[in-house]
Amino acid sequence: MTDHDRVVALEAEMQRLRVQMDLQPQFWVRNLIRLAGLEQERTRLYGQLRAMARTV
């Protein structure tokens, strides 16, 4: 799986969690914590992709 594929998968998981938060408020806090971790991972991957793009 490439970094780009990982970013797409992370964004899909983030969207799924947001929908679940709307539909099932009891999971709001747990999903918010998970979203924060996914956001950090996505930011890290975007940084790697930008760094690779500069070297090409």
Protein backbone atom coordinates (compact mmCIF):
# COMPACT_ATOMS: atom_id res chain seq x y z
CA MET A 1 0.00 0.00 0.00
CA THR A 2 1.45 3.36 -1.00
CA ASP A 3 1.39 6.47 1.19
CA HIS A 4 -1.30 7.90 -1.08
CA ASP A 5 -3.42 4.78 -0.59
CA ARG A 6 -2.96 5.08 3.18
CA VAL A 7 -4.13 8.71 3.11
CA VAL A 8 -7.23 7.73 1.13
CA ALA A 9 -7.95 4.88 3.57
CA LEU A 10 -7.46 7.21 6.56
CA GLU A 11 -9.84 9.77 5.11
CA ALA A 12 -12.45 7.06 4.46
CA GLU A 13 -12.13 5.84 8.06
CA MET A 14 -12.41 9.41 9.34
CA GLN A 15 -15.59 9.90 7.33
CA ARG A 16 -17.02 6.62 8.65
CA LEU A 17 -16.32 7.72 12.23
CA ARG A 18 -17.98 11.11 11.65
CA VAL A 19 -21.11 9.38 10.31
CA GLN A 20 -21.14 7.02 13.28
CA MET A 21 -20.83 10.01 15.62
CA ASP A 22 -23.95 11.51 14.01
CA LEU A 23 -25.92 8.28 14.15
CA GLN A 24 -24.71 6.95 17.50
CA PRO A 25 -23.87 9.77 19.92
CA GLN A 26 -22.83 7.29 22.62
CA PHE A 27 -19.61 6.70 20.63
CA TRP A 28 -18.85 10.42 20.25
CA VAL A 29 -15.94 10.68 22.72
CA ARG A 30 -14.30 7.43 21.63
CA ASN A 31 -14.58 8.39 17.96
CA LEU A 32 -13.32 11.91 18.58
CA ILE A 33 -10.18 10.49 20.19
CA ARG A 34 -9.73 8.09 17.27
CA LEU A 35 -10.27 10.94 14.78
CA ALA A 36 -7.52 12.96 16.45
CA GLY A 37 -5.07 10.08 16.04
CA LEU A 38 -6.07 9.56 12.41
CA GLU A 39 -5.65 13.27 11.73
CA GLN A 40 -2.10 13.15 13.11
CA GLU A 41 -1.28 10.12 10.95
CA ARG A 42 -2.77 11.80 7.86
CA THR A 43 -0.72 14.94 8.51
CA ARG A 44 2.44 12.85 8.82
CA LEU A 45 1.72 11.00 5.58
CA TYR A 46 0.96 14.25 3.72
CA GLY A 47 4.31 15.55 4.93
CA GLN A 48 6.07 12.49 3.55
CA LEU A 49 4.28 12.82 0.22
CA ARG A 50 5.24 16.50 -0.05
CA ALA A 51 8.86 15.72 0.80
CA MET A 52 8.94 12.98 -1.86
CA ALA A 53 7.37 15.32 -4.42
CA ARG A 54 10.13 17.89 -3.83
CA THR A 55 12.87 15.33 -4.48
CA VAL A 56 11.41 14.15 -7.78
